[in-house]
Amino acid sequence: MGARRLGPVPRRRPMSAELADLAGRVVPVLAFLIAITVVAEIADAAGVFDVAAHWAARAGRQRVWVLWLLVVAIACVSTIVLSLDTTAVLLTPVAITVARQVGVATLPFAMTTLWLANTASLLLPVSNLTNLLALHRLGQLGVGQLGYLRLAWAPALAAIVATVLLLALRHRRALTGRYALESSPETHDRTLLVVASVCCIALGPAFVAGLTPWIPSAAAAAILVGTVLVRDRTLLRRVSVPWQMVIGVSVLFVVVDVAINHGLRELLTSLVGAGTGAGALLRVGGVGLLSANAVNNLPAYLALESVSSDAPVRLFALLIGVNVGPLITVWGSLATLLWRQRCRAAEVTVSTAYLAREGLVCAVVASAAALGALVLVR
């Protein structure tokens, strides 16, 4: 009896091809990161955040809870349109300063920018780097930016509402009462302020319209750099492009991609399970939440994406876990690390134990609300 012939053994793709595919995904994301950072830094130097915070103080009509709700609104808009890192880096010191100027407790305002920087980062692809990575994979599944918005609106709204209600409950005593009239904002170059404000406002419709995110971001950055060169080129010294972050993220992407293609995928498949039922989606989101707090949300998403993207709804459940959930550990998201640096610079001390205890509650409540909304409207 002759030996049975076996079919051809599948050949592993060359490493160069794998890296080329990875570069095709990562380069637009990193281009967006650089461009939106330039936009945010120049907007801060131009006084956009300072004026917005002082406007909020005036509009609060000397009521602490109204002022806080206005800061909530600014934090949500900043996170959704300019990314969670913008809120953590630029809005946090402004919120703390305004709270001090009107003589109210700084902790509720600091925690508001931290929590909403993470939990409000679901709605648009540009709100979080993980969303941009997911948008590429969703495109492979036949879901474009409008499809992303259809998946995102209900979980994003649920996460924000749950976070705001929890913040109001935990800090209800500090948010009562009235405050004195605040001082006037600093004097800013009016032309640069107007141009920066218009660029920031215009980015929202540009992102929603379905444009590739790095394109309008790069255009806004170019306009702002050109305006600064004309108005006051010394401001460019205050613009800090995150080159170390870009290099670190690039290395991280390569390491995770190599690990996924050399044995890690099988282990992760057993963790996330299969299916699109309510229990299956909760499982994917829960694994994402735990992984993000263990190793940081970017590598957690990259590692879990390939085993959670057989259906768009499963991929979005993963996004909920890695975006809303990393509030327990300081290293859970880059935004949390940046937020803590800003708090220390402003001499606001928040202990790691407090962050973990309060963050656990918010991560569970907001993630459960978002996953529940996803189940209901998918």
Foldseek 3Di string as FASTA:
>chain_A
DDDDDDDDDDDDDDPVVLVVVLCVLVVLLLLLQQLLLLLLLLLLVQCVLLQQLLVLLVVQVQALLSSLVSLLVVLLLCLAQSALLSLLFRNLLSQQVSCVQQVADSVLSLVSSLQSSQLLQQQFLNSYSLSSSLQVLVVVVVAHRVNSNLLGPQLNVLLSVLLVVLSCVVCVVRRGDGTDRGDDGDDGDVVLNVLSVVLSVVSVVVRSVRDSNSVSSNVSSVVNCVVCVVPPVVSVVSRDRPPVVSVVLSVLLSVLSVCLSPPLVVVLLVQQDDDDALVSLQSLLQQLLVVLQVANNSSSLSNNVVNQSPDSLSNSSSVLNLRNRNQQACRSYVSSVSNCVSCVVVVHDDDSVNSNVSSVVSNVRSSVSSSVSSNVSD
